[in-house]
Amino acid sequence: MNAKYNYFIAACCTLVVACGSDEKKPTNISSVVATAKPSLMEPFRFHKAIEVAPGQTYDVVSWGRGSKSAGAYAILHSDSANIKYTTTTGDLDGNITDVYNADMDLDGNPEILIQSKGKDTVNYAKVYAFEFNNNDANKLDFPRLTSSQRKGYRGNDNFYIKEGKLIREFPIYSSNDSTATQTGAKRLLEYSLHGNDFTVKQLSKDSTSVAAPVKQEAKKTEPERKQTSAKKSSRKKSETKKRRHRRR
C-alpha cells in the first residue's frame, strides 16, 4: 500500500514539474519575440516614418549596394486621405543618422530634414531639406559652414529641434588637422527659415571668436607728464633751429 502511495506521489510530482517547465517555455519565447527589432533587408539601410497629421505620413528610406559611404535616399509621402502617393529621391553622401520634422517658417507646410554623416578627414554632417506643400516637394538649400564657423570643426555634430528652430552643436578642436585636440568648448548654431531661405545665428561664445585683449598704458604721474611735455617742447625747438639753419 505504502509502495503504491509513494509511486503515486512521485508520479504527481513529476507531472507538476513537467507542466511547470511547459508553462515557462512560451513565456520565454514571447519575451524574445517582443524585444526583437525588425531588421532592414538589403539593399535598404535606414527607415523612419514621420506622421505629420492623420493620414499624412512620410517614410524616409536609404539604400545602396556596393558602397557604405554613398547611396540614395527617398521620401515616400502617403496621403491616405486622398489616396495619393508620391516619391522624392536624391543622391546620398554618407549614411543617414536621423530625420527631423518641423514647420520652421510657420506656414502650415511641413519640412523634412535628413541628416547624414560622412567621413573624409573629419566626420562631417550634411542636411537635405525639403518643404512639402500637399504633394509637391520643394528642395531647400541648407547653408554650409562659413570659414569662421568651421574654425576648429572636426564633425561629430548633434542636431535637434527646439521651439521650431533647428539647433546644431559640435565640439571645437584646437585646429582642423589630424593632430587637433578638443578645447572643451562647443559651438552652438541656430537655423531659422524665412521665405524658403535659411538664416544662421551663432548662440555660443567660444574661444575662437574672442578677440585678443588690448593693452592699456599705465597712467603717468604729474611730474612724469611735465617731464614728457618739456622733452617734446625741447625737441620741437631743436627741429625749428635746424630748419632755419638749412634755409640760410
C-alpha atoms as a PDB file:
ATOM      1  CA  MET A   1       0.000   0.000   0.000  1.00  0.00           C
ATOM      2  CA  ASN A   2       2.750   2.333   1.007  1.00  0.00           C
ATOM      3  CA  ALA A   3       4.719   1.460  -2.139  1.00  0.00           C
ATOM      4  CA  LYS A   4       1.711   2.303  -4.346  1.00  0.00           C
ATOM      5  CA  TYR A   5       1.125   5.548  -2.432  1.00  0.00           C
ATOM      6  CA  ASN A   6       4.766   6.591  -2.804  1.00  0.00           C
ATOM      7  CA  TYR A   7       4.693   5.784  -6.517  1.00  0.00           C
ATOM      8  CA  PHE A   8       1.530   7.904  -6.975  1.00  0.00           C
ATOM      9  CA  ILE A   9       3.109  10.860  -5.143  1.00  0.00           C
ATOM     10  CA  ALA A  10       6.264  10.584  -7.254  1.00  0.00           C
ATOM     11  CA  ALA A  11       4.215  10.497 -10.465  1.00  0.00           C
ATOM     12  CA  CYS A  12       2.247  13.600  -9.419  1.00  0.00           C
ATOM     13  CA  CYS A  13       5.455  15.498  -8.622  1.00  0.00           C
ATOM     14  CA  THR A  14       6.892  14.549 -11.988  1.00  0.00           C
ATOM     15  CA  LEU A  15       3.721  15.739 -13.752  1.00  0.00           C
ATOM     16  CA  VAL A  16       3.759  19.097 -11.860  1.00  0.00           C
ATOM     17  CA  VAL A  17       7.401  19.697 -12.748  1.00  0.00           C
ATOM     18  CA  ALA A  18       6.732  18.851 -16.380  1.00  0.00           C
ATOM     19  CA  CYS A  19       3.738  21.168 -16.522  1.00  0.00           C
ATOM     20  CA  GLY A  20       5.694  23.937 -14.848  1.00  0.00           C
ATOM     21  CA  SER A  21       8.506  23.634 -17.380  1.00  0.00           C
ATOM     22  CA  ASP A  22       5.999  23.634 -20.234  1.00  0.00           C
ATOM     23  CA  GLU A  23       4.376  26.801 -18.908  1.00  0.00           C
ATOM     24  CA  LYS A  24       7.706  28.681 -18.743  1.00  0.00           C
ATOM     25  CA  LYS A  25       8.735  27.951 -22.314  1.00  0.00           C
ATOM     26  CA  PRO A  26       6.026  30.070 -24.064  1.00  0.00           C
ATOM     27  CA  THR A  27       6.810  32.986 -21.707  1.00  0.00           C
ATOM     28  CA  ASN A  28      10.481  32.948 -22.668  1.00  0.00           C
ATOM     29  CA  ILE A  29       9.692  32.711 -26.373  1.00  0.00           C
ATOM     30  CA  SER A  30       7.189  35.564 -26.270  1.00  0.00           C
ATOM     31  CA  SER A  31       9.632  37.827 -24.422  1.00  0.00           C
ATOM     32  CA  VAL A  32      12.302  37.182 -27.036  1.00  0.00           C
ATOM     33  CA  VAL A  33       9.878  37.952 -29.859  1.00  0.00           C
ATOM     34  CA  ALA A  34       8.686  41.145 -28.161  1.00  0.00           C
ATOM     35  CA  THR A  35      12.206  42.559 -27.701  1.00  0.00           C
ATOM     36  CA  ALA A  36      13.500  41.608 -31.151  1.00  0.00           C
ATOM     37  CA  LYS A  37      13.775  44.596 -33.551  1.00  0.00           C
ATOM     38  CA  PRO A  38      12.904  44.146 -37.213  1.00  0.00           C
ATOM     39  CA  SER A  39      15.977  44.374 -39.419  1.00  0.00           C
ATOM     40  CA  LEU A  40      16.110  46.010 -42.839  1.00  0.00           C
ATOM     41  CA  MET A  41      16.734  43.799 -45.835  1.00  0.00           C
ATOM     42  CA  GLU A  42      19.417  44.639 -48.364  1.00  0.00           C
ATOM     43  CA  PRO A  43      19.806  46.992 -50.124  1.00  0.00           C
ATOM     44  CA  PHE A  44      17.965  49.180 -47.567  1.00  0.00           C
ATOM     45  CA  ARG A  45      19.968  50.748 -44.719  1.00  0.00           C
ATOM     46  CA  PHE A  46      17.652  53.187 -42.956  1.00  0.00           C
ATOM     47  CA  HIS A  47      13.938  53.740 -42.410  1.00  0.00           C
ATOM     48  CA  LYS A  48      11.968  56.202 -40.315  1.00  0.00           C
ATOM     49  CA  ALA A  49       8.254  57.006 -40.538  1.00  0.00           C
ATOM     50  CA  ILE A  50       7.053  60.508 -39.636  1.00  0.00           C
ATOM     51  CA  GLU A  51       3.326  61.206 -39.315  1.00  0.00           C
ATOM     52  CA  VAL A  52       2.752  64.959 -39.523  1.00  0.00           C
ATOM     53  CA  ALA A  53      -1.047  64.688 -39.435  1.00  0.00           C
ATOM     54  CA  PRO A  54      -3.693  61.943 -39.581  1.00  0.00           C
ATOM     55  CA  GLY A  55      -3.377  60.302 -42.991  1.00  0.00           C
ATOM     56  CA  GLN A  56      -0.175  62.227 -43.811  1.00  0.00           C
ATOM     57  CA  THR A  57       2.935  60.066 -43.374  1.00  0.00           C
ATOM     58  CA  TYR A  58       6.465  60.479 -44.716  1.00  0.00           C
ATOM     59  CA  ASP A  59       8.601  57.336 -44.838  1.00  0.00           C
ATOM     60  CA  VAL A  60      12.294  58.186 -45.257  1.00  0.00           C
ATOM     61  CA  VAL A  61      14.494  55.356 -46.522  1.00  0.00           C
ATOM     62  CA  SER A  62      18.028  54.983 -47.841  1.00  0.00           C
ATOM     63  CA  TRP A  63      19.539  52.231 -49.934  1.00  0.00           C
ATOM     64  CA  GLY A  64      22.577  51.219 -51.967  1.00  0.00           C
ATOM     65  CA  ARG A  65      24.724  48.225 -52.813  1.00  0.00           C
ATOM     66  CA  GLY A  66      28.489  48.042 -53.219  1.00  0.00           C
ATOM     67  CA  SER A  67      29.342  51.086 -51.088  1.00  0.00           C
ATOM     68  CA  LYS A  68      28.922  52.047 -47.458  1.00  0.00           C
ATOM     69  CA  SER A  69      29.732  55.733 -47.955  1.00  0.00           C
ATOM     70  CA  ALA A  70      27.352  56.550 -50.817  1.00  0.00           C
ATOM     71  CA  GLY A  71      23.838  55.671 -51.884  1.00  0.00           C
ATOM     72  CA  ALA A  72      20.446  57.279 -52.345  1.00  0.00           C
ATOM     73  CA  TYR A  73      17.525  58.414 -50.243  1.00  0.00           C
ATOM     74  CA  ALA A  74      13.782  58.548 -50.846  1.00  0.00           C
ATOM     75  CA  ILE A  75      10.915  60.332 -49.107  1.00  0.00           C
ATOM     76  CA  LEU A  76       7.726  58.327 -49.608  1.00  0.00           C
ATOM     77  CA  HIS A  77       4.691  60.523 -48.962  1.00  0.00           C
ATOM     78  CA  SER A  78       1.449  58.679 -48.222  1.00  0.00           C
ATOM     79  CA  ASP A  79      -1.641  60.872 -48.444  1.00  0.00           C
ATOM     80  CA  SER A  80      -4.072  58.166 -47.442  1.00  0.00           C
ATOM     81  CA  ALA A  81      -6.976  60.618 -47.091  1.00  0.00           C
ATOM     82  CA  ASN A  82      -6.860  61.473 -50.801  1.00  0.00           C
ATOM     83  CA  ILE A  83      -5.310  58.140 -51.900  1.00  0.00           C
ATOM     84  CA  LYS A  84      -2.216  59.855 -53.356  1.00  0.00           C
ATOM     85  CA  TYR A  85       1.338  58.566 -53.080  1.00  0.00           C
ATOM     86  CA  THR A  86       4.446  60.490 -54.205  1.00  0.00           C
ATOM     87  CA  THR A  87       8.179  59.845 -54.068  1.00  0.00           C
ATOM     88  CA  THR A  88      11.075  62.306 -53.739  1.00  0.00           C
ATOM     89  CA  THR A  89      14.581  60.944 -54.290  1.00  0.00           C
ATOM     90  CA  GLY A  90      18.173  62.161 -54.321  1.00  0.00           C
ATOM     91  CA  ASP A  91      21.815  61.106 -54.054  1.00  0.00           C
ATOM     92  CA  LEU A  92      23.095  60.473 -50.541  1.00  0.00           C
ATOM     93  CA  ASP A  93      26.548  61.387 -49.238  1.00  0.00           C
ATOM     94  CA  GLY A  94      27.390  59.215 -46.233  1.00  0.00           C
ATOM     95  CA  ASN A  95      24.755  57.479 -44.117  1.00  0.00           C
ATOM     96  CA  ILE A  96      21.513  58.811 -42.664  1.00  0.00           C
ATOM     97  CA  THR A  97      21.719  59.238 -38.895  1.00  0.00           C
ATOM     98  CA  ASP A  98      18.317  60.836 -38.232  1.00  0.00           C
ATOM     99  CA  VAL A  99      15.330  62.650 -39.759  1.00  0.00           C
ATOM    100  CA  TYR A 100      13.532  65.687 -38.297  1.00  0.00           C
ATOM    101  CA  ASN A 101      10.122  67.234 -38.900  1.00  0.00           C
ATOM    102  CA  ALA A 102       9.289  70.895 -38.276  1.00  0.00           C
ATOM    103  CA  ASP A 103       7.345  73.887 -39.547  1.00  0.00           C
ATOM    104  CA  MET A 104      10.157  76.408 -39.153  1.00  0.00           C
ATOM    105  CA  ASP A 105       8.510  79.240 -41.129  1.00  0.00           C
ATOM    106  CA  LEU A 106       5.046  78.657 -39.605  1.00  0.00           C
ATOM    107  CA  ASP A 107       3.295  78.486 -42.991  1.00  0.00           C
ATOM    108  CA  GLY A 108       1.489  75.213 -42.270  1.00  0.00           C
ATOM    109  CA  ASN A 109       3.706  73.182 -44.633  1.00  0.00           C
ATOM    110  CA  PRO A 110       5.976  70.581 -43.013  1.00  0.00           C
ATOM    111  CA  GLU A 111       9.737  70.491 -43.541  1.00  0.00           C
ATOM    112  CA  ILE A 112      11.533  67.148 -43.631  1.00  0.00           C
ATOM    113  CA  LEU A 113      15.234  67.437 -42.708  1.00  0.00           C
ATOM    114  CA  ILE A 114      17.509  64.455 -43.386  1.00  0.00           C
ATOM    115  CA  GLN A 115      20.814  64.378 -41.502  1.00  0.00           C
ATOM    116  CA  SER A 116      23.634  62.272 -42.907  1.00  0.00           C
ATOM    117  CA  LYS A 117      27.131  61.592 -41.621  1.00  0.00           C
ATOM    118  CA  GLY A 118      30.073  61.249 -43.985  1.00  0.00           C
ATOM    119  CA  LYS A 119      33.806  60.974 -43.491  1.00  0.00           C
ATOM    120  CA  ASP A 120      36.904  62.254 -45.260  1.00  0.00           C
ATOM    121  CA  THR A 121      39.449  63.759 -42.873  1.00  0.00           C
ATOM    122  CA  VAL A 122      36.653  64.558 -40.385  1.00  0.00           C
ATOM    123  CA  ASN A 123      33.226  63.155 -39.517  1.00  0.00           C
ATOM    124  CA  TYR A 124      31.254  65.868 -41.268  1.00  0.00           C
ATOM    125  CA  ALA A 125      27.479  66.327 -41.294  1.00  0.00           C
ATOM    126  CA  LYS A 126      25.184  67.116 -44.205  1.00  0.00           C
ATOM    127  CA  VAL A 127      21.494  68.091 -44.204  1.00  0.00           C
ATOM    128  CA  TYR A 128      18.987  67.504 -47.037  1.00  0.00           C
ATOM    129  CA  ALA A 129      15.983  69.763 -46.512  1.00  0.00           C
ATOM    130  CA  PHE A 130      12.557  69.706 -48.192  1.00  0.00           C
ATOM    131  CA  GLU A 131       9.331  71.614 -47.657  1.00  0.00           C
ATOM    132  CA  PHE A 132       6.134  69.844 -48.714  1.00  0.00           C
ATOM    133  CA  ASN A 133       3.017  71.638 -49.923  1.00  0.00           C
ATOM    134  CA  ASN A 134       0.390  68.918 -50.255  1.00  0.00           C
ATOM    135  CA  ASN A 135       2.090  66.511 -52.693  1.00  0.00           C
ATOM    136  CA  ASP A 136       4.661  68.989 -54.071  1.00  0.00           C
ATOM    137  CA  ALA A 137       8.230  68.842 -52.718  1.00  0.00           C
ATOM    138  CA  ASN A 138      10.422  71.949 -52.693  1.00  0.00           C
ATOM    139  CA  LYS A 139      14.138  71.324 -52.109  1.00  0.00           C
ATOM    140  CA  LEU A 140      15.764  73.891 -49.794  1.00  0.00           C
ATOM    141  CA  ASP A 141      19.432  74.891 -49.888  1.00  0.00           C
ATOM    142  CA  PHE A 142      20.904  74.174 -46.469  1.00  0.00           C
ATOM    143  CA  PRO A 143      23.779  76.606 -45.783  1.00  0.00           C
ATOM    144  CA  ARG A 144      27.348  75.401 -45.441  1.00  0.00           C
ATOM    145  CA  LEU A 145      29.509  76.414 -42.518  1.00  0.00           C
ATOM    146  CA  THR A 146      31.345  79.698 -43.040  1.00  0.00           C
ATOM    147  CA  SER A 147      35.098  79.990 -42.551  1.00  0.00           C
ATOM    148  CA  SER A 148      34.640  81.344 -39.017  1.00  0.00           C
ATOM    149  CA  GLN A 149      32.083  78.645 -38.163  1.00  0.00           C
ATOM    150  CA  ARG A 150      34.455  75.951 -39.479  1.00  0.00           C
ATOM    151  CA  LYS A 151      37.357  77.104 -37.312  1.00  0.00           C
ATOM    152  CA  GLY A 152      38.203  74.150 -35.084  1.00  0.00           C
ATOM    153  CA  TYR A 153      35.473  71.974 -36.685  1.00  0.00           C
ATOM    154  CA  ARG A 154      36.047  68.240 -36.982  1.00  0.00           C
ATOM    155  CA  GLY A 155      32.476  66.952 -37.154  1.00  0.00           C
ATOM    156  CA  ASN A 156      30.585  64.972 -34.502  1.00  0.00           C
ATOM    157  CA  ASP A 157      27.545  67.241 -34.919  1.00  0.00           C
ATOM    158  CA  ASN A 158      24.396  66.980 -32.822  1.00  0.00           C
ATOM    159  CA  PHE A 159      21.098  68.307 -34.275  1.00  0.00           C
ATOM    160  CA  TYR A 160      17.727  68.797 -32.596  1.00  0.00           C
ATOM    161  CA  ILE A 161      14.552  70.864 -32.948  1.00  0.00           C
ATOM    162  CA  LYS A 162      13.849  73.484 -30.277  1.00  0.00           C
ATOM    163  CA  GLU A 163      10.914  75.927 -30.400  1.00  0.00           C
ATOM    164  CA  GLY A 164      10.572  75.471 -34.157  1.00  0.00           C
ATOM    165  CA  LYS A 165      14.279  76.126 -34.848  1.00  0.00           C
ATOM    166  CA  LEU A 166      16.956  73.650 -35.893  1.00  0.00           C
ATOM    167  CA  ILE A 167      19.812  73.672 -33.375  1.00  0.00           C
ATOM    168  CA  ARG A 168      23.274  72.412 -34.289  1.00  0.00           C
ATOM    169  CA  GLU A 169      26.122  71.917 -31.840  1.00  0.00           C
ATOM    170  CA  PHE A 170      29.584  70.415 -32.198  1.00  0.00           C
ATOM    171  CA  PRO A 171      32.837  70.318 -30.186  1.00  0.00           C
ATOM    172  CA  ILE A 172      35.612  72.774 -31.026  1.00  0.00           C
ATOM    173  CA  TYR A 173      39.127  71.475 -31.623  1.00  0.00           C
ATOM    174  CA  SER A 174      42.438  73.286 -31.347  1.00  0.00           C
ATOM    175  CA  SER A 175      42.884  73.049 -35.125  1.00  0.00           C
ATOM    176  CA  ASN A 176      41.362  71.417 -38.201  1.00  0.00           C
ATOM    177  CA  ASP A 177      44.064  68.792 -38.819  1.00  0.00           C
ATOM    178  CA  SER A 178      44.507  65.255 -37.523  1.00  0.00           C
ATOM    179  CA  THR A 179      46.693  66.399 -34.588  1.00  0.00           C
ATOM    180  CA  ALA A 180      43.857  68.524 -33.143  1.00  0.00           C
ATOM    181  CA  THR A 181      42.636  68.075 -29.592  1.00  0.00           C
ATOM    182  CA  GLN A 182      39.313  69.121 -28.067  1.00  0.00           C
ATOM    183  CA  THR A 183      39.280  72.504 -26.351  1.00  0.00           C
ATOM    184  CA  GLY A 184      36.301  71.655 -24.166  1.00  0.00           C
ATOM    185  CA  ALA A 185      34.169  74.352 -25.813  1.00  0.00           C
ATOM    186  CA  LYS A 186      31.176  73.817 -28.125  1.00  0.00           C
ATOM    187  CA  ARG A 187      29.807  75.896 -30.971  1.00  0.00           C
ATOM    188  CA  LEU A 188      26.026  76.321 -30.991  1.00  0.00           C
ATOM    189  CA  LEU A 189      24.205  77.420 -34.159  1.00  0.00           C
ATOM    190  CA  GLU A 190      20.509  78.202 -34.649  1.00  0.00           C
ATOM    191  CA  TYR A 191      18.871  77.801 -38.091  1.00  0.00           C
ATOM    192  CA  SER A 192      15.688  79.668 -38.984  1.00  0.00           C
ATOM    193  CA  LEU A 193      13.629  79.588 -42.188  1.00  0.00           C
ATOM    194  CA  HIS A 194      12.127  82.661 -43.885  1.00  0.00           C
ATOM    195  CA  GLY A 195      10.684  82.543 -47.395  1.00  0.00           C
ATOM    196  CA  ASN A 196      12.355  79.187 -48.149  1.00  0.00           C
ATOM    197  CA  ASP A 197      15.767  80.655 -47.200  1.00  0.00           C
ATOM    198  CA  PHE A 198      17.761  79.583 -44.155  1.00  0.00           C
ATOM    199  CA  THR A 199      19.388  82.066 -41.806  1.00  0.00           C
ATOM    200  CA  VAL A 200      22.035  81.117 -39.240  1.00  0.00           C
ATOM    201  CA  LYS A 201      22.797  82.687 -35.880  1.00  0.00           C
ATOM    202  CA  GLN A 202      25.593  81.647 -33.547  1.00  0.00           C
ATOM    203  CA  LEU A 203      24.313  81.293 -29.988  1.00  0.00           C
ATOM    204  CA  SER A 204      27.572  80.396 -28.261  1.00  0.00           C
ATOM    205  CA  LYS A 205      30.632  82.483 -27.450  1.00  0.00           C
ATOM    206  CA  ASP A 206      33.609  80.198 -27.850  1.00  0.00           C
ATOM    207  CA  SER A 207      37.346  80.749 -27.531  1.00  0.00           C
ATOM    208  CA  THR A 208      37.917  81.045 -31.296  1.00  0.00           C
ATOM    209  CA  SER A 209      35.736  84.157 -31.587  1.00  0.00           C
ATOM    210  CA  VAL A 210      37.165  86.128 -28.667  1.00  0.00           C
ATOM    211  CA  ALA A 211      39.479  88.957 -29.697  1.00  0.00           C
ATOM    212  CA  ALA A 212      42.845  89.430 -28.013  1.00  0.00           C
ATOM    213  CA  PRO A 213      42.744  91.949 -25.156  1.00  0.00           C
ATOM    214  CA  VAL A 214      44.049  95.436 -25.927  1.00  0.00           C
ATOM    215  CA  LYS A 215      46.985  96.509 -23.790  1.00  0.00           C
ATOM    216  CA  GLN A 216      46.463  99.738 -21.901  1.00  0.00           C
ATOM    217  CA  GLU A 217      49.312 102.078 -20.998  1.00  0.00           C
ATOM    218  CA  ALA A 218      49.833 102.831 -17.335  1.00  0.00           C
ATOM    219  CA  LYS A 219      48.762 106.275 -16.194  1.00  0.00           C
ATOM    220  CA  LYS A 220      51.634 108.725 -15.694  1.00  0.00           C
ATOM    221  CA  THR A 221      52.091 110.901 -12.612  1.00  0.00           C
ATOM    222  CA  GLU A 222      52.032 114.715 -12.773  1.00  0.00           C
ATOM    223  CA  PRO A 223      55.901 115.109 -12.648  1.00  0.00           C
ATOM    224  CA  GLU A 224      56.249 112.469 -15.399  1.00  0.00           C
ATOM    225  CA  ARG A 225      53.725 114.316 -17.585  1.00  0.00           C
ATOM    226  CA  LYS A 226      55.615 117.642 -17.113  1.00  0.00           C
ATOM    227  CA  GLN A 227      58.918 115.962 -17.940  1.00  0.00           C
ATOM    228  CA  THR A 228      57.453 114.413 -21.101  1.00  0.00           C
ATOM    229  CA  SER A 229      55.956 117.772 -22.124  1.00  0.00           C
ATOM    230  CA  ALA A 230      59.333 119.509 -21.586  1.00  0.00           C
ATOM    231  CA  LYS A 231      61.098 116.926 -23.753  1.00  0.00           C
ATOM    232  CA  LYS A 232      58.561 117.375 -26.552  1.00  0.00           C
ATOM    233  CA  SER A 233      58.965 121.206 -26.369  1.00  0.00           C
ATOM    234  CA  SER A 234      62.777 120.963 -26.456  1.00  0.00           C
ATOM    235  CA  ARG A 235      62.558 118.557 -29.408  1.00  0.00           C
ATOM    236  CA  LYS A 236      60.353 120.981 -31.324  1.00  0.00           C
ATOM    237  CA  LYS A 237      62.740 123.927 -30.688  1.00  0.00           C
ATOM    238  CA  SER A 238      65.695 121.876 -31.894  1.00  0.00           C
ATOM    239  CA  GLU A 239      63.873 120.890 -35.095  1.00  0.00           C
ATOM    240  CA  THR A 240      62.913 124.564 -35.696  1.00  0.00           C
ATOM    241  CA  LYS A 241      66.567 125.691 -35.375  1.00  0.00           C
ATOM    242  CA  LYS A 242      67.687 123.022 -37.841  1.00  0.00           C
ATOM    243  CA  ARG A 243      65.129 124.147 -40.414  1.00  0.00           C
ATOM    244  CA  ARG A 244      66.281 127.818 -40.040  1.00  0.00           C
ATOM    245  CA  HIS A 245      69.911 126.827 -40.448  1.00  0.00           C
ATOM    246  CA  ARG A 246      69.101 124.930 -43.658  1.00  0.00           C
ATOM    247  CA  ARG A 247      67.305 127.953 -45.108  1.00  0.00           C
ATOM    248  CA  ARG A 248      70.425 130.126 -44.586  1.00  0.00           C
END
